[in-house]
Amino acid sequence: MGLKEDLEDWLRGYSRLVILGVGNPLRGDDALGVRIIRELRGKVPSGVRLIEGGIMPENFIGKIRRFRPSHILLIDAARFGGRVGDARLIKPEHISGVAISTHSMPLSILIELICAGTKAKIALLGIEPKNTDFGEEVSLEVREAIKGSAKLIAEVLSQLGGG
């Protein structure tokens, strides 16, 4: 199954969705989560809340819980052994096996904290980075993946008609 089918399957029946972009805009490809959120602004249904979590996504747990989402999609750079720019939907039980980028709190712990206050289905859209060094630019491959992933998410949400 491809990413589009994975997203459609995972999102099927959603009523309220939080998309949380995680990453450090000063560390090259690690900026991808935040950049995808920016690409999605104005392109998602009303039942979707977009949050730029940046390097401290745990600061938004209260806001996420108050929204009472049925689904939460985290977006971040993830090293899973794919080619640079490859995107994969990763379920929570598989996140601990993925090397995640550069944040103050591991995503596995963030997910546990979110789950403690919501019954939402959670998944990570991970994109294989090329470079997460401080001060680097976002690589061409990841810039293309940002545009493609944002377009795909908007398309799937539009087709499902949820929210």
N, C-alpha and C. Protein backbone atom coordinates (compact mmCIF):
# COMPACT_ATOMS: atom_id res chain seq x y z
N MET A 1 0.84 -1.19 0.00
CA MET A 1 0.00 0.00 0.00
C MET A 1 0.88 1.25 0.00
N GLY A 2 0.47 2.27 -0.74
CA GLY A 2 1.22 3.52 -0.80
C GLY A 2 0.79 4.48 0.30
N LEU A 3 1.48 5.60 0.38
CA LEU A 3 1.20 6.59 1.42
C LEU A 3 -0.23 7.12 1.32
N LYS A 4 -0.71 7.38 0.13
CA LYS A 4 -2.07 7.89 -0.03
C LYS A 4 -3.09 6.91 0.55
N GLU A 5 -2.94 5.63 0.22
CA GLU A 5 -3.86 4.61 0.73
C GLU A 5 -3.74 4.47 2.24
N ASP A 6 -2.50 4.55 2.76
CA ASP A 6 -2.29 4.47 4.21
C ASP A 6 -3.01 5.61 4.93
N LEU A 7 -2.87 6.84 4.39
CA LEU A 7 -3.53 7.99 4.99
C LEU A 7 -5.04 7.87 4.91
N GLU A 8 -5.55 7.46 3.75
CA GLU A 8 -7.00 7.31 3.59
C GLU A 8 -7.54 6.29 4.59
N ASP A 9 -6.85 5.17 4.71
CA ASP A 9 -7.28 4.12 5.62
C ASP A 9 -7.25 4.60 7.07
N TRP A 10 -6.16 5.27 7.46
CA TRP A 10 -6.01 5.73 8.84
C TRP A 10 -7.01 6.84 9.18
N LEU A 11 -7.29 7.72 8.23
CA LEU A 11 -8.18 8.86 8.48
C LEU A 11 -9.66 8.55 8.29
N ARG A 12 -9.95 7.42 7.69
CA ARG A 12 -11.35 7.10 7.41
C ARG A 12 -12.19 7.22 8.68
N GLY A 13 -13.27 7.99 8.59
CA GLY A 13 -14.17 8.16 9.73
C GLY A 13 -13.74 9.22 10.73
N TYR A 14 -12.69 9.99 10.42
CA TYR A 14 -12.29 11.02 11.38
C TYR A 14 -13.38 12.08 11.49
N SER A 15 -13.49 12.69 12.67
CA SER A 15 -14.43 13.79 12.84
C SER A 15 -13.70 15.10 13.14
N ARG A 16 -12.62 15.01 13.92
CA ARG A 16 -11.81 16.18 14.25
C ARG A 16 -10.35 15.73 14.21
N LEU A 17 -9.55 16.45 13.46
CA LEU A 17 -8.16 16.07 13.24
C LEU A 17 -7.23 17.20 13.66
N VAL A 18 -6.20 16.85 14.44
CA VAL A 18 -5.11 17.77 14.72
C VAL A 18 -3.92 17.31 13.89
N ILE A 19 -3.32 18.25 13.17
CA ILE A 19 -2.06 17.98 12.47
C ILE A 19 -1.01 18.83 13.16
N LEU A 20 -0.05 18.15 13.79
CA LEU A 20 0.97 18.81 14.60
C LEU A 20 2.31 18.69 13.89
N GLY A 21 2.81 19.82 13.41
CA GLY A 21 4.12 19.85 12.75
C GLY A 21 5.22 20.06 13.77
N VAL A 22 6.17 19.15 13.78
CA VAL A 22 7.25 19.17 14.76
C VAL A 22 8.57 19.42 14.03
N GLY A 23 9.47 20.16 14.67
CA GLY A 23 10.79 20.33 14.08
C GLY A 23 11.42 21.67 14.37
N ASN A 24 12.71 21.73 14.12
CA ASN A 24 13.49 22.93 14.37
C ASN A 24 13.80 23.63 13.05
N PRO A 25 13.23 24.81 12.83
CA PRO A 25 13.45 25.53 11.58
C PRO A 25 14.90 25.93 11.33
N LEU A 26 15.75 25.83 12.36
CA LEU A 26 17.16 26.21 12.21
C LEU A 26 18.06 25.02 11.90
N ARG A 27 17.46 23.82 11.73
CA ARG A 27 18.25 22.62 11.52
C ARG A 27 17.90 21.92 10.20
N GLY A 28 18.04 22.64 9.12
CA GLY A 28 17.88 22.04 7.80
C GLY A 28 16.55 21.32 7.63
N ASP A 29 16.64 20.05 7.26
CA ASP A 29 15.45 19.25 6.94
C ASP A 29 14.55 19.02 8.15
N ASP A 30 15.04 19.27 9.36
CA ASP A 30 14.21 19.11 10.54
C ASP A 30 13.05 20.11 10.56
N ALA A 31 13.11 21.11 9.70
CA ALA A 31 12.05 22.12 9.61
C ALA A 31 10.81 21.59 8.91
N LEU A 32 10.86 20.39 8.35
CA LEU A 32 9.81 19.94 7.45
C LEU A 32 8.42 19.88 8.09
N GLY A 33 8.30 19.49 9.35
CA GLY A 33 6.99 19.41 9.98
C GLY A 33 6.29 20.76 10.04
N VAL A 34 7.05 21.77 10.45
CA VAL A 34 6.51 23.13 10.54
C VAL A 34 6.18 23.66 9.14
N ARG A 35 7.03 23.38 8.18
CA ARG A 35 6.80 23.86 6.81
C ARG A 35 5.56 23.22 6.18
N ILE A 36 5.31 21.97 6.47
CA ILE A 36 4.10 21.33 5.93
C ILE A 36 2.85 21.98 6.52
N ILE A 37 2.87 22.30 7.81
CA ILE A 37 1.74 23.00 8.42
C ILE A 37 1.49 24.31 7.69
N ARG A 38 2.54 25.04 7.41
CA ARG A 38 2.39 26.33 6.71
C ARG A 38 1.82 26.14 5.30
N GLU A 39 2.25 25.08 4.64
CA GLU A 39 1.73 24.77 3.29
C GLU A 39 0.23 24.43 3.34
N LEU A 40 -0.21 23.85 4.44
CA LEU A 40 -1.60 23.39 4.55
C LEU A 40 -2.58 24.51 4.94
N ARG A 41 -2.08 25.63 5.43
CA ARG A 41 -2.96 26.71 5.88
C ARG A 41 -3.91 27.12 4.75
N GLY A 42 -5.20 27.16 5.08
CA GLY A 42 -6.21 27.55 4.10
C GLY A 42 -6.61 26.46 3.13
N LYS A 43 -6.07 25.24 3.32
CA LYS A 43 -6.34 24.16 2.37
C LYS A 43 -6.96 22.93 3.03
N VAL A 44 -7.42 23.07 4.28
CA VAL A 44 -7.99 21.92 4.99
C VAL A 44 -9.40 22.26 5.47
N PRO A 45 -10.24 21.23 5.69
CA PRO A 45 -11.60 21.46 6.17
C PRO A 45 -11.63 22.08 7.57
N SER A 46 -12.78 22.58 7.97
CA SER A 46 -12.91 23.27 9.25
C SER A 46 -12.68 22.37 10.46
N GLY A 47 -12.87 21.08 10.32
CA GLY A 47 -12.66 20.15 11.44
C GLY A 47 -11.21 19.76 11.64
N VAL A 48 -10.30 20.47 10.98
CA VAL A 48 -8.87 20.18 11.08
C VAL A 48 -8.18 21.36 11.74
N ARG A 49 -7.43 21.07 12.81
CA ARG A 49 -6.66 22.10 13.49
C ARG A 49 -5.19 21.90 13.17
N LEU A 50 -4.54 22.94 12.62
CA LEU A 50 -3.12 22.90 12.27
C LEU A 50 -2.33 23.57 13.39
N ILE A 51 -1.30 22.89 13.88
CA ILE A 51 -0.48 23.42 14.97
C ILE A 51 0.99 23.32 14.61
N GLU A 52 1.69 24.45 14.68
CA GLU A 52 3.14 24.47 14.51
C GLU A 52 3.76 24.19 15.88
N GLY A 53 4.12 22.93 16.11
CA GLY A 53 4.67 22.54 17.41
C GLY A 53 6.13 22.89 17.58
N GLY A 54 6.83 23.09 16.47
CA GLY A 54 8.24 23.46 16.54
C GLY A 54 9.07 22.49 17.35
N ILE A 55 9.98 23.03 18.17
CA ILE A 55 10.88 22.18 18.95
C ILE A 55 10.31 21.80 20.31
N MET A 56 9.15 22.36 20.66
CA MET A 56 8.53 22.03 21.95
C MET A 56 7.05 21.70 21.77
N PRO A 57 6.76 20.64 21.02
CA PRO A 57 5.36 20.31 20.77
C PRO A 57 4.58 19.96 22.04
N GLU A 58 5.29 19.59 23.10
CA GLU A 58 4.61 19.28 24.36
C GLU A 58 3.86 20.48 24.92
N ASN A 59 4.24 21.69 24.52
CA ASN A 59 3.55 22.90 24.98
C ASN A 59 2.12 23.00 24.44
N PHE A 60 1.78 22.17 23.47
CA PHE A 60 0.46 22.24 22.84
C PHE A 60 -0.47 21.11 23.27
N ILE A 61 -0.05 20.30 24.22
CA ILE A 61 -0.87 19.16 24.65
C ILE A 61 -2.24 19.62 25.15
N GLY A 62 -2.28 20.67 25.95
CA GLY A 62 -3.56 21.19 26.47
C GLY A 62 -4.47 21.65 25.35
N LYS A 63 -3.93 22.36 24.40
CA LYS A 63 -4.70 22.84 23.25
C LYS A 63 -5.25 21.65 22.44
N ILE A 64 -4.42 20.63 22.26
CA ILE A 64 -4.85 19.44 21.53
C ILE A 64 -5.99 18.75 22.28
N ARG A 65 -5.83 18.55 23.57
CA ARG A 65 -6.87 17.88 24.37
C ARG A 65 -8.19 18.64 24.34
N ARG A 66 -8.11 19.98 24.46
CA ARG A 66 -9.34 20.79 24.46
C ARG A 66 -10.10 20.70 23.13
N PHE A 67 -9.38 20.48 22.04
CA PHE A 67 -10.01 20.34 20.72
C PHE A 67 -10.76 19.02 20.60
N ARG A 68 -10.41 18.05 21.43
CA ARG A 68 -11.02 16.70 21.45
C ARG A 68 -11.00 16.04 20.06
N PRO A 69 -9.80 15.85 19.51
CA PRO A 69 -9.71 15.25 18.17
C PRO A 69 -10.01 13.75 18.18
N SER A 70 -10.49 13.26 17.06
CA SER A 70 -10.62 11.82 16.87
C SER A 70 -9.31 11.24 16.37
N HIS A 71 -8.50 12.09 15.69
CA HIS A 71 -7.23 11.67 15.10
C HIS A 71 -6.18 12.78 15.30
N ILE A 72 -4.94 12.36 15.51
CA ILE A 72 -3.82 13.30 15.61
C ILE A 72 -2.71 12.80 14.70
N LEU A 73 -2.31 13.66 13.76
CA LEU A 73 -1.22 13.33 12.84
C LEU A 73 -0.02 14.20 13.19
N LEU A 74 1.05 13.57 13.65
CA LEU A 74 2.31 14.27 13.89
C LEU A 74 3.11 14.24 12.59
N ILE A 75 3.81 15.30 12.29
CA ILE A 75 4.66 15.33 11.10
C ILE A 75 6.06 15.75 11.55
N ASP A 76 7.05 14.92 11.19
CA ASP A 76 8.41 15.20 11.63
C ASP A 76 9.41 14.48 10.73
N ALA A 77 10.65 14.93 10.80
CA ALA A 77 11.75 14.22 10.15
C ALA A 77 11.96 12.91 10.90
N ALA A 78 12.15 11.82 10.18
CA ALA A 78 12.33 10.52 10.81
C ALA A 78 13.30 9.69 9.97
N ARG A 79 14.26 9.11 10.64
CA ARG A 79 15.22 8.23 9.94
C ARG A 79 14.73 6.80 10.06
N PHE A 80 14.18 6.28 8.96
CA PHE A 80 13.66 4.92 8.94
C PHE A 80 14.33 4.06 7.87
N GLY A 81 15.38 4.60 7.26
CA GLY A 81 16.13 3.82 6.28
C GLY A 81 15.65 3.99 4.85
N GLY A 82 14.77 4.95 4.61
CA GLY A 82 14.29 5.20 3.25
C GLY A 82 15.25 6.13 2.51
N ARG A 83 14.87 6.46 1.29
CA ARG A 83 15.63 7.46 0.53
C ARG A 83 15.26 8.85 1.05
N VAL A 84 16.16 9.80 0.90
CA VAL A 84 15.88 11.17 1.33
C VAL A 84 14.59 11.65 0.66
N GLY A 85 13.68 12.19 1.47
CA GLY A 85 12.41 12.68 0.96
C GLY A 85 11.30 11.66 0.99
N ASP A 86 11.61 10.37 1.23
CA ASP A 86 10.56 9.35 1.34
C ASP A 86 9.69 9.66 2.54
N ALA A 87 8.38 9.48 2.38
CA ALA A 87 7.43 9.72 3.46
C ALA A 87 6.74 8.41 3.80
N ARG A 88 6.48 8.22 5.09
CA ARG A 88 5.86 6.98 5.56
C ARG A 88 4.95 7.29 6.74
N LEU A 89 3.79 6.66 6.77
CA LEU A 89 2.89 6.78 7.91
C LEU A 89 3.30 5.71 8.92
N ILE A 90 3.66 6.15 10.12
CA ILE A 90 4.19 5.26 11.14
C ILE A 90 3.24 5.26 12.33
N LYS A 91 2.79 4.07 12.71
CA LYS A 91 1.87 3.93 13.84
C LYS A 91 2.65 4.05 15.16
N PRO A 92 1.99 4.45 16.25
CA PRO A 92 2.69 4.68 17.52
C PRO A 92 3.53 3.50 18.00
N GLU A 93 3.04 2.29 17.79
CA GLU A 93 3.78 1.12 18.28
C GLU A 93 5.10 0.92 17.55
N HIS A 94 5.29 1.59 16.42
CA HIS A 94 6.53 1.46 15.65
C HIS A 94 7.45 2.67 15.79
N ILE A 95 7.00 3.70 16.49
CA ILE A 95 7.78 4.93 16.58
C ILE A 95 9.08 4.74 17.35
N SER A 96 9.08 3.92 18.37
CA SER A 96 10.31 3.75 19.15
C SER A 96 11.44 3.16 18.32
N GLY A 97 11.13 2.49 17.21
CA GLY A 97 12.15 1.92 16.35
C GLY A 97 12.65 2.87 15.28
N VAL A 98 12.17 4.12 15.31
CA VAL A 98 12.54 5.11 14.30
C VAL A 98 13.36 6.19 14.99
N ALA A 99 14.48 6.54 14.39
CA ALA A 99 15.30 7.62 14.94
C ALA A 99 14.66 8.94 14.54
N ILE A 100 14.17 9.66 15.53
CA ILE A 100 13.49 10.92 15.28
C ILE A 100 14.48 12.05 15.51
N SER A 101 14.20 13.17 14.93
CA SER A 101 15.14 14.28 14.86
C SER A 101 15.62 14.83 16.20
N THR A 102 15.45 16.11 16.44
CA THR A 102 16.31 16.83 17.38
C THR A 102 15.56 17.53 18.51
N HIS A 103 14.52 16.97 19.06
CA HIS A 103 13.67 17.72 19.97
C HIS A 103 13.97 17.44 21.43
N SER A 104 13.42 18.33 22.28
CA SER A 104 13.68 18.21 23.71
C SER A 104 13.03 16.96 24.29
N MET A 105 11.98 16.48 23.67
CA MET A 105 11.25 15.31 24.17
C MET A 105 11.07 14.30 23.05
N PRO A 106 11.40 13.03 23.28
CA PRO A 106 11.17 12.02 22.24
C PRO A 106 9.68 11.95 21.89
N LEU A 107 9.37 11.72 20.61
CA LEU A 107 7.98 11.65 20.18
C LEU A 107 7.22 10.54 20.87
N SER A 108 7.89 9.44 21.21
CA SER A 108 7.19 8.35 21.90
C SER A 108 6.63 8.83 23.24
N ILE A 109 7.37 9.67 23.95
CA ILE A 109 6.89 10.21 25.23
C ILE A 109 5.79 11.23 24.98
N LEU A 110 5.96 12.09 23.96
CA LEU A 110 4.92 13.05 23.61
C LEU A 110 3.61 12.33 23.32
N ILE A 111 3.67 11.25 22.57
CA ILE A 111 2.48 10.48 22.24
C ILE A 111 1.83 9.92 23.50
N GLU A 112 2.63 9.41 24.42
CA GLU A 112 2.09 8.89 25.68
C GLU A 112 1.35 10.00 26.44
N LEU A 113 1.93 11.19 26.49
CA LEU A 113 1.30 12.31 27.19
C LEU A 113 -0.02 12.72 26.53
N ILE A 114 -0.02 12.76 25.21
CA ILE A 114 -1.25 13.12 24.49
C ILE A 114 -2.31 12.04 24.73
N CYS A 115 -1.90 10.78 24.62
CA CYS A 115 -2.84 9.67 24.79
C CYS A 115 -3.47 9.66 26.19
N ALA A 116 -2.75 10.15 27.18
CA ALA A 116 -3.27 10.17 28.54
C ALA A 116 -4.50 11.06 28.65
N GLY A 117 -4.67 12.01 27.74
CA GLY A 117 -5.79 12.92 27.83
C GLY A 117 -6.76 12.85 26.68
N THR A 118 -6.58 11.90 25.78
CA THR A 118 -7.48 11.79 24.64
C THR A 118 -7.53 10.34 24.17
N LYS A 119 -8.58 10.00 23.50
CA LYS A 119 -8.71 8.65 22.95
C LYS A 119 -8.46 8.65 21.43
N ALA A 120 -7.83 9.71 20.96
CA ALA A 120 -7.60 9.88 19.53
C ALA A 120 -6.65 8.82 18.99
N LYS A 121 -6.86 8.49 17.71
CA LYS A 121 -5.91 7.65 16.98
C LYS A 121 -4.72 8.55 16.62
N ILE A 122 -3.52 8.05 16.82
CA ILE A 122 -2.33 8.86 16.56
C ILE A 122 -1.42 8.14 15.58
N ALA A 123 -0.83 8.92 14.67
CA ALA A 123 0.17 8.38 13.75
C ALA A 123 1.18 9.48 13.46
N LEU A 124 2.34 9.06 12.97
CA LEU A 124 3.40 9.97 12.57
C LEU A 124 3.59 9.89 11.07
N LEU A 125 3.57 11.03 10.42
CA LEU A 125 4.01 11.09 9.03
C LEU A 125 5.48 11.46 9.11
N GLY A 126 6.34 10.46 8.90
CA GLY A 126 7.77 10.67 8.97
C GLY A 126 8.35 10.83 7.58
N ILE A 127 9.25 11.77 7.43
CA ILE A 127 9.92 12.00 6.15
C ILE A 127 11.43 11.87 6.38
N GLU A 128 12.05 11.06 5.55
CA GLU A 128 13.49 10.81 5.66
C GLU A 128 14.26 12.10 5.34
N PRO A 129 15.04 12.61 6.32
CA PRO A 129 15.81 13.83 6.08
C PRO A 129 17.17 13.53 5.44
N LYS A 130 17.75 14.56 4.88
CA LYS A 130 19.11 14.46 4.35
C LYS A 130 20.08 15.07 5.37
N ASN A 131 19.70 16.24 5.89
CA ASN A 131 20.60 16.98 6.75
C ASN A 131 19.82 17.69 7.85
N THR A 132 20.18 17.44 9.10
CA THR A 132 19.54 18.13 10.22
C THR A 132 20.57 18.92 11.02
N ASP A 133 21.66 19.31 10.36
CA ASP A 133 22.69 20.09 11.03
C ASP A 133 22.22 21.53 11.23
N PHE A 134 22.68 22.12 12.32
CA PHE A 134 22.33 23.50 12.65
C PHE A 134 22.78 24.45 11.54
N GLY A 135 21.88 25.34 11.13
CA GLY A 135 22.21 26.37 10.16
C GLY A 135 22.11 25.95 8.70
N GLU A 136 21.82 24.70 8.44
CA GLU A 136 21.73 24.24 7.05
C GLU A 136 20.37 24.60 6.46
N GLU A 137 20.33 24.67 5.14
CA GLU A 137 19.07 24.89 4.41
C GLU A 137 18.33 23.57 4.27
N VAL A 138 17.03 23.65 4.01
CA VAL A 138 16.25 22.45 3.71
C VAL A 138 16.72 21.93 2.34
N SER A 139 17.00 20.64 2.26
CA SER A 139 17.50 20.05 1.01
C SER A 139 16.42 20.08 -0.07
N LEU A 140 16.85 20.04 -1.31
CA LEU A 140 15.94 20.03 -2.44
C LEU A 140 14.96 18.85 -2.35
N GLU A 141 15.48 17.66 -2.02
CA GLU A 141 14.62 16.47 -1.93
C GLU A 141 13.53 16.65 -0.89
N VAL A 142 13.88 17.23 0.25
CA VAL A 142 12.89 17.42 1.32
C VAL A 142 11.96 18.58 0.98
N ARG A 143 12.44 19.61 0.30
CA ARG A 143 11.52 20.68 -0.15
C ARG A 143 10.44 20.10 -1.05
N GLU A 144 10.83 19.21 -1.95
CA GLU A 144 9.86 18.55 -2.82
C GLU A 144 8.90 17.66 -2.01
N ALA A 145 9.44 16.98 -1.00
CA ALA A 145 8.60 16.13 -0.15
C ALA A 145 7.61 16.96 0.66
N ILE A 146 8.01 18.15 1.09
CA ILE A 146 7.12 19.04 1.83
C ILE A 146 5.92 19.42 0.96
N LYS A 147 6.21 19.88 -0.25
CA LYS A 147 5.14 20.27 -1.19
C LYS A 147 4.23 19.08 -1.51
N GLY A 148 4.85 17.94 -1.82
CA GLY A 148 4.09 16.75 -2.19
C GLY A 148 3.24 16.23 -1.04
N SER A 149 3.81 16.22 0.18
CA SER A 149 3.07 15.72 1.34
C SER A 149 1.90 16.63 1.69
N ALA A 150 2.12 17.95 1.64
CA ALA A 150 1.03 18.89 1.93
C ALA A 150 -0.09 18.72 0.91
N LYS A 151 0.28 18.59 -0.36
CA LYS A 151 -0.73 18.40 -1.41
C LYS A 151 -1.50 17.11 -1.19
N LEU A 152 -0.79 16.04 -0.85
CA LEU A 152 -1.43 14.75 -0.63
C LEU A 152 -2.39 14.78 0.57
N ILE A 153 -1.95 15.40 1.67
CA ILE A 153 -2.81 15.49 2.86
C ILE A 153 -4.08 16.27 2.52
N ALA A 154 -3.94 17.42 1.87
CA ALA A 154 -5.10 18.24 1.50
C ALA A 154 -6.04 17.47 0.58
N GLU A 155 -5.47 16.73 -0.35
CA GLU A 155 -6.27 15.93 -1.29
C GLU A 155 -7.05 14.83 -0.57
N VAL A 156 -6.38 14.11 0.30
CA VAL A 156 -7.04 13.02 1.04
C VAL A 156 -8.15 13.58 1.92
N LEU A 157 -7.88 14.68 2.61
CA LEU A 157 -8.91 15.29 3.48
C LEU A 157 -10.11 15.75 2.65
N SER A 158 -9.84 16.30 1.49
CA SER A 158 -10.91 16.76 0.61
C SER A 158 -11.77 15.57 0.14
N GLN A 159 -11.11 14.48 -0.23
CA GLN A 159 -11.83 13.29 -0.69
C GLN A 159 -12.67 12.65 0.42
N LEU A 160 -12.11 12.62 1.62
CA LEU A 160 -12.84 12.00 2.74
C LEU A 160 -14.00 12.87 3.22
N GLY A 161 -13.86 14.18 3.05
CA GLY A 161 -14.96 15.08 3.40
C GLY A 161 -15.31 15.09 4.87
N GLY A 162 -14.40 14.69 5.72
CA GLY A 162 -14.68 14.67 7.17
C GLY A 162 -14.60 16.05 7.77
N GLY A 163 -14.58 16.05 9.10
CA GLY A 163 -14.41 17.31 9.82
C GLY A 163 -15.67 18.09 9.79
